[in-house]
Amino acid sequence: MVRLTGKTLGILASLTLTPLAMAPDAAAEEIGCVSTVFKMLGPDHKICIEAFDDPKVSGVTCHLTRPRTGGLSGMVGLAEDPSDSSIACRQVGPIDILEDFDPGETVFSERRSILFKKLSVRRFLDKKRNVLIYLVISDKLIEGSPKHSVSSVPIMPWRSE
């Protein structure tokens, strides 16, 4: 008979629920990649640029850059990508908040290793300054990462000509 401790049950639950928690709220569109390290076998290491629109705030697009590990482990999906990332969000049309959202709500997330590591973009609203703030962070289930990047989008009137 196998006895499961509370810690073991917690790990099993997190493994079961992790794919659900990491489903992206916004879909990213790849803009392009540049190779940073040549790999003889498998794809090169790269830095890729992707764009996504905020699903709850129309008129805002974010561009996210992050490294992708190449080689054989990257090719088969077993590599752990670095935690580095950068984000730039801009007003691309009239800004309209389509739905209420909680501070720090996840707008976009992506798995960065086979287990436990994900990258996520969180949204905040600074009501006093009328600014949307987007924070990209890298999380690990066991241990967090201080690597992050932030972008602000002032909510301004949009002139159509």
N, C-alpha and C. Protein backbone atom coordinates (compact mmCIF):
# COMPACT_ATOMS: atom_id res chain seq x y z
N MET A 1 0.85 -1.18 0.00
CA MET A 1 0.00 0.00 0.00
C MET A 1 0.89 1.24 0.00
N VAL A 2 0.59 2.19 -0.88
CA VAL A 2 1.37 3.42 -0.99
C VAL A 2 0.68 4.51 -0.20
N ARG A 3 1.47 5.19 0.63
CA ARG A 3 0.94 6.30 1.42
C ARG A 3 1.41 7.59 0.79
N LEU A 4 0.49 8.50 0.55
CA LEU A 4 0.84 9.79 -0.02
C LEU A 4 0.79 10.85 1.07
N THR A 5 1.86 11.62 1.16
CA THR A 5 1.90 12.70 2.13
C THR A 5 1.24 13.93 1.53
N GLY A 6 1.00 14.94 2.35
CA GLY A 6 0.41 16.19 1.87
C GLY A 6 1.27 16.84 0.80
N LYS A 7 2.60 16.79 0.98
CA LYS A 7 3.51 17.38 0.00
C LYS A 7 3.42 16.63 -1.33
N THR A 8 3.38 15.30 -1.28
CA THR A 8 3.27 14.50 -2.50
C THR A 8 1.96 14.78 -3.21
N LEU A 9 0.87 14.87 -2.46
CA LEU A 9 -0.43 15.17 -3.06
C LEU A 9 -0.41 16.56 -3.71
N GLY A 10 0.25 17.52 -3.07
CA GLY A 10 0.37 18.87 -3.63
C GLY A 10 1.11 18.88 -4.95
N ILE A 11 2.20 18.12 -5.01
CA ILE A 11 2.99 18.05 -6.26
C ILE A 11 2.16 17.37 -7.35
N LEU A 12 1.47 16.27 -7.01
CA LEU A 12 0.64 15.59 -8.00
C LEU A 12 -0.48 16.50 -8.50
N ALA A 13 -1.09 17.25 -7.60
CA ALA A 13 -2.16 18.16 -8.00
C ALA A 13 -1.63 19.26 -8.91
N SER A 14 -0.45 19.78 -8.59
CA SER A 14 0.12 20.84 -9.43
C SER A 14 0.48 20.32 -10.81
N LEU A 15 0.97 19.08 -10.89
CA LEU A 15 1.28 18.50 -12.20
C LEU A 15 0.01 18.29 -13.02
N THR A 16 -1.06 17.93 -12.35
CA THR A 16 -2.33 17.70 -13.04
C THR A 16 -2.95 19.02 -13.50
N LEU A 17 -2.88 20.05 -12.67
CA LEU A 17 -3.53 21.32 -12.96
C LEU A 17 -2.66 22.29 -13.75
N THR A 18 -1.34 22.06 -13.80
CA THR A 18 -0.44 22.99 -14.48
C THR A 18 -0.83 23.24 -15.92
N PRO A 19 -1.14 22.24 -16.75
CA PRO A 19 -1.52 22.53 -18.14
C PRO A 19 -2.75 23.43 -18.23
N LEU A 20 -3.71 23.30 -17.32
CA LEU A 20 -4.89 24.15 -17.34
C LEU A 20 -4.53 25.58 -16.97
N ALA A 21 -3.67 25.75 -15.99
CA ALA A 21 -3.29 27.08 -15.53
C ALA A 21 -2.44 27.81 -16.55
N MET A 22 -1.78 27.07 -17.45
CA MET A 22 -0.88 27.71 -18.38
C MET A 22 -1.52 27.95 -19.75
N ALA A 23 -2.79 27.68 -19.89
CA ALA A 23 -3.43 27.96 -21.17
C ALA A 23 -3.42 29.47 -21.39
N PRO A 24 -2.95 29.92 -22.55
CA PRO A 24 -2.83 31.35 -22.77
C PRO A 24 -4.19 32.02 -22.89
N ASP A 25 -4.29 33.24 -22.31
CA ASP A 25 -5.49 34.03 -22.43
C ASP A 25 -5.51 34.72 -23.80
N ALA A 26 -4.33 35.12 -24.28
CA ALA A 26 -4.19 35.74 -25.59
C ALA A 26 -3.28 34.85 -26.43
N ALA A 27 -3.55 34.80 -27.71
CA ALA A 27 -2.71 34.02 -28.61
C ALA A 27 -1.63 34.93 -29.19
N ALA A 28 -0.40 34.44 -29.25
CA ALA A 28 0.71 35.22 -29.78
C ALA A 28 0.96 34.85 -31.23
N GLU A 29 1.33 35.85 -32.01
CA GLU A 29 1.66 35.67 -33.42
C GLU A 29 3.16 35.92 -33.57
N GLU A 30 3.87 34.96 -34.14
CA GLU A 30 5.32 35.13 -34.31
C GLU A 30 5.59 36.16 -35.41
N ILE A 31 6.42 37.14 -35.06
CA ILE A 31 6.81 38.19 -36.00
C ILE A 31 8.12 37.80 -36.70
N GLY A 32 9.06 37.25 -35.93
CA GLY A 32 10.33 36.83 -36.50
C GLY A 32 11.31 36.43 -35.42
N CYS A 33 12.41 35.80 -35.84
CA CYS A 33 13.45 35.33 -34.92
C CYS A 33 14.82 35.65 -35.50
N VAL A 34 15.81 35.80 -34.64
CA VAL A 34 17.20 35.91 -35.07
C VAL A 34 18.00 34.84 -34.34
N SER A 35 18.92 34.21 -35.05
CA SER A 35 19.78 33.18 -34.45
C SER A 35 20.85 33.86 -33.61
N THR A 36 21.13 33.29 -32.46
CA THR A 36 22.17 33.83 -31.59
C THR A 36 23.34 32.88 -31.41
N VAL A 37 23.10 31.58 -31.55
CA VAL A 37 24.15 30.57 -31.43
C VAL A 37 23.88 29.48 -32.46
N PHE A 38 24.89 29.16 -33.27
CA PHE A 38 24.77 28.09 -34.25
C PHE A 38 24.87 26.75 -33.53
N LYS A 39 23.97 25.83 -33.87
CA LYS A 39 24.00 24.47 -33.34
C LYS A 39 24.16 23.50 -34.51
N MET A 40 25.13 22.61 -34.42
CA MET A 40 25.38 21.65 -35.49
C MET A 40 24.19 20.71 -35.67
N LEU A 41 23.61 20.25 -34.56
CA LEU A 41 22.45 19.36 -34.60
C LEU A 41 21.25 20.09 -34.01
N GLY A 42 20.17 20.10 -34.73
CA GLY A 42 18.96 20.76 -34.26
C GLY A 42 18.97 22.24 -34.60
N PRO A 43 17.90 22.93 -34.23
CA PRO A 43 17.82 24.36 -34.54
C PRO A 43 18.81 25.18 -33.73
N ASP A 44 19.14 26.36 -34.23
CA ASP A 44 20.01 27.30 -33.51
C ASP A 44 19.28 27.86 -32.29
N HIS A 45 20.04 28.38 -31.32
CA HIS A 45 19.44 29.18 -30.25
C HIS A 45 18.96 30.47 -30.91
N LYS A 46 17.82 31.00 -30.46
CA LYS A 46 17.23 32.17 -31.09
C LYS A 46 16.66 33.13 -30.07
N ILE A 47 16.45 34.35 -30.54
CA ILE A 47 15.60 35.30 -29.82
C ILE A 47 14.45 35.59 -30.77
N CYS A 48 13.23 35.39 -30.28
CA CYS A 48 12.04 35.53 -31.13
C CYS A 48 11.16 36.67 -30.64
N ILE A 49 10.49 37.29 -31.60
CA ILE A 49 9.55 38.38 -31.33
C ILE A 49 8.16 37.88 -31.67
N GLU A 50 7.24 38.06 -30.73
CA GLU A 50 5.85 37.71 -30.95
C GLU A 50 4.97 38.89 -30.55
N ALA A 51 3.80 38.98 -31.15
CA ALA A 51 2.84 40.03 -30.82
C ALA A 51 1.54 39.39 -30.35
N PHE A 52 0.89 40.05 -29.41
CA PHE A 52 -0.45 39.62 -29.01
C PHE A 52 -1.27 40.85 -28.62
N ASP A 53 -2.56 40.75 -28.87
CA ASP A 53 -3.49 41.81 -28.50
C ASP A 53 -4.12 41.45 -27.16
N ASP A 54 -4.32 42.46 -26.32
CA ASP A 54 -4.94 42.24 -25.02
C ASP A 54 -6.40 41.85 -25.24
N PRO A 55 -6.82 40.68 -24.75
CA PRO A 55 -8.19 40.22 -25.01
C PRO A 55 -9.27 41.03 -24.28
N LYS A 56 -8.91 41.73 -23.21
CA LYS A 56 -9.91 42.50 -22.45
C LYS A 56 -9.78 44.01 -22.65
N VAL A 57 -8.76 44.44 -23.40
CA VAL A 57 -8.56 45.87 -23.65
C VAL A 57 -8.28 46.04 -25.14
N SER A 58 -9.27 46.49 -25.89
CA SER A 58 -9.02 46.69 -27.31
C SER A 58 -8.17 47.94 -27.50
N GLY A 59 -7.37 47.93 -28.57
CA GLY A 59 -6.51 49.07 -28.88
C GLY A 59 -5.11 48.97 -28.30
N VAL A 60 -4.77 47.85 -27.66
CA VAL A 60 -3.44 47.64 -27.10
C VAL A 60 -2.83 46.37 -27.68
N THR A 61 -1.61 46.49 -28.21
CA THR A 61 -0.84 45.35 -28.69
C THR A 61 0.49 45.32 -27.93
N CYS A 62 0.91 44.12 -27.56
CA CYS A 62 2.20 43.94 -26.89
C CYS A 62 3.12 43.12 -27.78
N HIS A 63 4.39 43.51 -27.80
CA HIS A 63 5.44 42.75 -28.48
C HIS A 63 6.34 42.18 -27.40
N LEU A 64 6.54 40.88 -27.47
CA LEU A 64 7.30 40.15 -26.46
C LEU A 64 8.50 39.50 -27.13
N THR A 65 9.68 39.67 -26.55
CA THR A 65 10.86 38.97 -27.05
C THR A 65 11.34 38.03 -25.96
N ARG A 66 11.81 36.86 -26.41
CA ARG A 66 12.36 35.90 -25.45
C ARG A 66 13.21 34.89 -26.19
N PRO A 67 14.18 34.31 -25.48
CA PRO A 67 15.06 33.32 -26.12
C PRO A 67 14.38 31.97 -26.25
N ARG A 68 14.80 31.24 -27.27
CA ARG A 68 14.39 29.85 -27.46
C ARG A 68 15.64 29.01 -27.58
N THR A 69 15.70 27.98 -26.77
CA THR A 69 16.84 27.08 -26.77
C THR A 69 16.75 26.13 -27.95
N GLY A 70 17.85 26.02 -28.67
CA GLY A 70 17.90 25.13 -29.82
C GLY A 70 18.57 23.81 -29.47
N GLY A 71 19.30 23.27 -30.44
CA GLY A 71 19.96 21.98 -30.25
C GLY A 71 18.96 20.85 -30.24
N LEU A 72 19.44 19.68 -29.90
CA LEU A 72 18.57 18.50 -29.88
C LEU A 72 17.50 18.60 -28.81
N SER A 73 17.88 19.08 -27.62
CA SER A 73 16.88 19.17 -26.53
C SER A 73 15.81 20.19 -26.87
N GLY A 74 16.17 21.29 -27.52
CA GLY A 74 15.18 22.28 -27.94
C GLY A 74 14.28 21.74 -29.03
N MET A 75 14.85 20.94 -29.91
CA MET A 75 14.09 20.39 -31.03
C MET A 75 12.98 19.45 -30.55
N VAL A 76 13.25 18.67 -29.50
CA VAL A 76 12.25 17.72 -29.01
C VAL A 76 11.43 18.26 -27.84
N GLY A 77 11.66 19.52 -27.46
CA GLY A 77 10.85 20.14 -26.41
C GLY A 77 11.26 19.83 -25.00
N LEU A 78 12.51 19.38 -24.79
CA LEU A 78 12.97 19.05 -23.44
C LEU A 78 13.85 20.13 -22.82
N ALA A 79 14.20 21.16 -23.58
CA ALA A 79 15.09 22.21 -23.08
C ALA A 79 14.32 23.17 -22.19
N GLU A 80 15.02 23.72 -21.20
CA GLU A 80 14.45 24.79 -20.39
C GLU A 80 14.95 26.11 -20.96
N ASP A 81 14.03 26.91 -21.48
CA ASP A 81 14.41 28.19 -22.05
C ASP A 81 14.82 29.16 -20.95
N PRO A 82 15.77 30.07 -21.24
CA PRO A 82 16.19 31.07 -20.23
C PRO A 82 15.01 31.94 -19.80
N SER A 83 15.14 32.55 -18.63
CA SER A 83 14.08 33.37 -18.07
C SER A 83 14.05 34.79 -18.64
N ASP A 84 15.06 35.17 -19.40
CA ASP A 84 15.13 36.53 -19.94
C ASP A 84 13.96 36.79 -20.89
N SER A 85 13.42 37.99 -20.83
CA SER A 85 12.36 38.40 -21.74
C SER A 85 12.24 39.91 -21.69
N SER A 86 11.60 40.46 -22.70
CA SER A 86 11.37 41.90 -22.77
C SER A 86 9.99 42.12 -23.36
N ILE A 87 9.35 43.24 -22.98
CA ILE A 87 8.01 43.52 -23.47
C ILE A 87 7.89 45.00 -23.81
N ALA A 88 7.16 45.28 -24.87
CA ALA A 88 6.81 46.65 -25.25
C ALA A 88 5.35 46.64 -25.69
N CYS A 89 4.52 47.39 -24.99
CA CYS A 89 3.09 47.46 -25.31
C CYS A 89 2.77 48.88 -25.76
N ARG A 90 1.90 49.00 -26.77
CA ARG A 90 1.58 50.29 -27.34
C ARG A 90 0.09 50.39 -27.67
N GLN A 91 -0.39 51.61 -27.65
CA GLN A 91 -1.75 51.89 -28.12
C GLN A 91 -1.73 51.84 -29.64
N VAL A 92 -2.61 51.03 -30.23
CA VAL A 92 -2.67 50.88 -31.69
C VAL A 92 -4.04 51.27 -32.23
N GLY A 93 -4.89 51.79 -31.39
CA GLY A 93 -6.23 52.21 -31.77
C GLY A 93 -6.91 52.79 -30.54
N PRO A 94 -8.19 53.13 -30.66
CA PRO A 94 -8.88 53.65 -29.47
C PRO A 94 -8.91 52.58 -28.37
N ILE A 95 -8.52 52.96 -27.18
CA ILE A 95 -8.49 52.00 -26.07
C ILE A 95 -9.87 51.91 -25.45
N ASP A 96 -10.34 50.67 -25.33
CA ASP A 96 -11.64 50.40 -24.74
C ASP A 96 -11.48 49.19 -23.82
N ILE A 97 -11.74 49.38 -22.54
CA ILE A 97 -11.68 48.26 -21.59
C ILE A 97 -12.99 47.49 -21.74
N LEU A 98 -12.89 46.30 -22.34
CA LEU A 98 -14.06 45.50 -22.70
C LEU A 98 -14.68 44.79 -21.50
N GLU A 99 -13.84 44.41 -20.53
CA GLU A 99 -14.30 43.70 -19.34
C GLU A 99 -13.50 44.19 -18.14
N ASP A 100 -14.12 44.16 -16.96
CA ASP A 100 -13.38 44.44 -15.75
C ASP A 100 -12.33 43.35 -15.57
N PHE A 101 -11.21 43.71 -14.95
CA PHE A 101 -10.18 42.72 -14.68
C PHE A 101 -9.55 43.00 -13.33
N ASP A 102 -9.00 41.94 -12.76
CA ASP A 102 -8.33 42.04 -11.46
C ASP A 102 -6.92 42.55 -11.64
N PRO A 103 -6.39 43.31 -10.68
CA PRO A 103 -4.99 43.74 -10.76
C PRO A 103 -4.07 42.52 -10.81
N GLY A 104 -3.14 42.52 -11.75
CA GLY A 104 -2.20 41.41 -11.88
C GLY A 104 -2.76 40.22 -12.64
N GLU A 105 -3.90 40.39 -13.28
CA GLU A 105 -4.50 39.29 -14.05
C GLU A 105 -3.58 38.88 -15.20
N THR A 106 -3.50 37.58 -15.45
CA THR A 106 -2.66 37.07 -16.53
C THR A 106 -3.33 37.33 -17.87
N VAL A 107 -2.57 37.96 -18.77
CA VAL A 107 -3.03 38.26 -20.12
C VAL A 107 -2.52 37.20 -21.09
N PHE A 108 -1.31 36.71 -20.83
CA PHE A 108 -0.65 35.75 -21.72
C PHE A 108 0.25 34.88 -20.87
N SER A 109 0.31 33.58 -21.18
CA SER A 109 1.27 32.71 -20.50
C SER A 109 1.75 31.63 -21.46
N GLU A 110 2.94 31.13 -21.17
CA GLU A 110 3.55 30.13 -22.03
C GLU A 110 4.49 29.26 -21.21
N ARG A 111 4.48 27.97 -21.49
CA ARG A 111 5.40 27.02 -20.84
C ARG A 111 6.81 27.29 -21.34
N ARG A 112 7.80 27.30 -20.44
CA ARG A 112 9.19 27.55 -20.81
C ARG A 112 10.08 26.35 -20.55
N SER A 113 9.55 25.29 -19.99
CA SER A 113 10.27 24.04 -19.82
C SER A 113 9.23 22.93 -19.74
N ILE A 114 9.69 21.69 -19.79
CA ILE A 114 8.75 20.57 -19.78
C ILE A 114 7.95 20.53 -18.48
N LEU A 115 8.53 20.96 -17.38
CA LEU A 115 7.82 20.99 -16.09
C LEU A 115 8.14 22.28 -15.34
N PHE A 116 7.18 22.80 -14.66
CA PHE A 116 7.33 23.80 -13.61
C PHE A 116 7.63 25.24 -14.02
N LYS A 117 8.11 25.54 -15.20
CA LYS A 117 8.52 26.90 -15.51
C LYS A 117 7.60 27.51 -16.57
N LYS A 118 7.15 28.72 -16.34
CA LYS A 118 6.32 29.41 -17.32
C LYS A 118 6.64 30.90 -17.33
N LEU A 119 6.33 31.50 -18.45
CA LEU A 119 6.46 32.94 -18.61
C LEU A 119 5.04 33.49 -18.64
N SER A 120 4.79 34.59 -17.96
CA SER A 120 3.45 35.16 -18.01
C SER A 120 3.52 36.67 -18.08
N VAL A 121 2.51 37.24 -18.73
CA VAL A 121 2.34 38.69 -18.80
C VAL A 121 1.13 39.03 -17.95
N ARG A 122 1.32 39.96 -17.02
CA ARG A 122 0.25 40.39 -16.11
C ARG A 122 -0.13 41.83 -16.40
N ARG A 123 -1.40 42.16 -16.24
CA ARG A 123 -1.91 43.50 -16.52
C ARG A 123 -2.34 44.20 -15.24
N PHE A 124 -2.00 45.49 -15.15
CA PHE A 124 -2.41 46.33 -14.03
C PHE A 124 -2.99 47.63 -14.60
N LEU A 125 -3.81 48.32 -13.82
CA LEU A 125 -4.33 49.62 -14.21
C LEU A 125 -3.97 50.62 -13.12
N ASP A 126 -3.22 51.64 -13.48
CA ASP A 126 -2.90 52.74 -12.57
C ASP A 126 -3.96 53.81 -12.83
N LYS A 127 -5.05 53.76 -12.04
CA LYS A 127 -6.18 54.66 -12.26
C LYS A 127 -5.79 56.12 -12.05
N LYS A 128 -4.95 56.39 -11.08
CA LYS A 128 -4.56 57.76 -10.79
C LYS A 128 -3.88 58.42 -11.99
N ARG A 129 -3.08 57.67 -12.73
CA ARG A 129 -2.34 58.21 -13.87
C ARG A 129 -2.95 57.83 -15.22
N ASN A 130 -4.04 57.05 -15.18
CA ASN A 130 -4.74 56.61 -16.39
C ASN A 130 -3.80 55.85 -17.33
N VAL A 131 -3.12 54.84 -16.76
CA VAL A 131 -2.10 54.09 -17.50
C VAL A 131 -2.31 52.59 -17.27
N LEU A 132 -2.23 51.82 -18.35
CA LEU A 132 -2.19 50.37 -18.26
C LEU A 132 -0.73 49.95 -18.14
N ILE A 133 -0.44 48.98 -17.30
CA ILE A 133 0.92 48.49 -17.09
C ILE A 133 0.94 47.00 -17.35
N TYR A 134 1.91 46.56 -18.15
CA TYR A 134 2.07 45.14 -18.47
C TYR A 134 3.43 44.69 -17.94
N LEU A 135 3.42 43.62 -17.14
CA LEU A 135 4.61 43.08 -16.51
C LEU A 135 4.82 41.66 -17.00
N VAL A 136 6.01 41.36 -17.54
CA VAL A 136 6.33 40.00 -17.95
C VAL A 136 7.29 39.43 -16.91
N ILE A 137 6.96 38.22 -16.42
CA ILE A 137 7.80 37.56 -15.42
C ILE A 137 7.95 36.09 -15.79
N SER A 138 8.99 35.49 -15.23
CA SER A 138 9.22 34.06 -15.39
C SER A 138 9.00 33.41 -14.04
N ASP A 139 8.12 32.42 -13.99
CA ASP A 139 7.77 31.73 -12.74
C ASP A 139 8.29 30.31 -12.78
N LYS A 140 8.67 29.83 -11.61
CA LYS A 140 8.91 28.41 -11.42
C LYS A 140 8.02 27.97 -10.27
N LEU A 141 7.49 26.77 -10.36
CA LEU A 141 6.61 26.27 -9.31
C LEU A 141 7.33 26.22 -7.97
N ILE A 142 8.58 25.78 -8.00
CA ILE A 142 9.34 25.62 -6.77
C ILE A 142 10.03 26.92 -6.37
N GLU A 143 10.63 27.60 -7.34
CA GLU A 143 11.45 28.77 -7.05
C GLU A 143 11.18 29.83 -8.11
N GLY A 144 10.88 31.04 -7.69
CA GLY A 144 10.60 32.12 -8.65
C GLY A 144 11.86 32.68 -9.26
N SER A 145 11.70 33.60 -10.19
CA SER A 145 12.82 34.25 -10.84
C SER A 145 12.60 35.75 -10.77
N PRO A 146 13.64 36.51 -10.46
CA PRO A 146 13.47 37.96 -10.41
C PRO A 146 13.53 38.62 -11.78
N LYS A 147 13.75 37.85 -12.84
CA LYS A 147 13.87 38.44 -14.18
C LYS A 147 12.49 38.87 -14.65
N HIS A 148 12.42 40.12 -15.11
CA HIS A 148 11.15 40.69 -15.51
C HIS A 148 11.37 41.88 -16.44
N SER A 149 10.30 42.36 -17.01
CA SER A 149 10.31 43.56 -17.84
C SER A 149 8.93 44.18 -17.73
N VAL A 150 8.87 45.51 -17.91
CA VAL A 150 7.59 46.21 -17.75
C VAL A 150 7.39 47.19 -18.90
N SER A 151 6.12 47.42 -19.24
CA SER A 151 5.77 48.40 -20.27
C SER A 151 4.49 49.11 -19.84
N SER A 152 4.43 50.41 -20.10
CA SER A 152 3.27 51.22 -19.73
C SER A 152 2.59 51.76 -20.98
N VAL A 153 1.26 51.81 -20.94
CA VAL A 153 0.48 52.35 -22.06
C VAL A 153 -0.46 53.41 -21.50
N PRO A 154 -0.15 54.70 -21.73
CA PRO A 154 -1.09 55.74 -21.30
C PRO A 154 -2.39 55.64 -22.10
N ILE A 155 -3.52 55.75 -21.43
CA ILE A 155 -4.81 55.70 -22.13
C ILE A 155 -5.10 57.11 -22.65
N MET A 156 -4.93 57.25 -23.96
CA MET A 156 -5.05 58.57 -24.61
C MET A 156 -6.18 58.54 -25.64
N PRO A 157 -6.75 59.71 -25.94
CA PRO A 157 -7.73 59.74 -27.03
C PRO A 157 -7.05 59.36 -28.34
N TRP A 158 -7.77 58.68 -29.21
CA TRP A 158 -7.22 58.22 -30.49
C TRP A 158 -7.85 59.06 -31.60
N ARG A 159 -6.97 59.71 -32.36
CA ARG A 159 -7.46 60.54 -33.48
C ARG A 159 -7.57 59.68 -34.72
N SER A 160 -8.72 59.70 -35.35
CA SER A 160 -8.85 59.03 -36.64
C SER A 160 -8.96 60.09 -37.71
N GLU A 161 -8.20 59.90 -38.76
CA GLU A 161 -8.15 60.93 -39.80
C GLU A 161 -8.89 60.51 -41.03
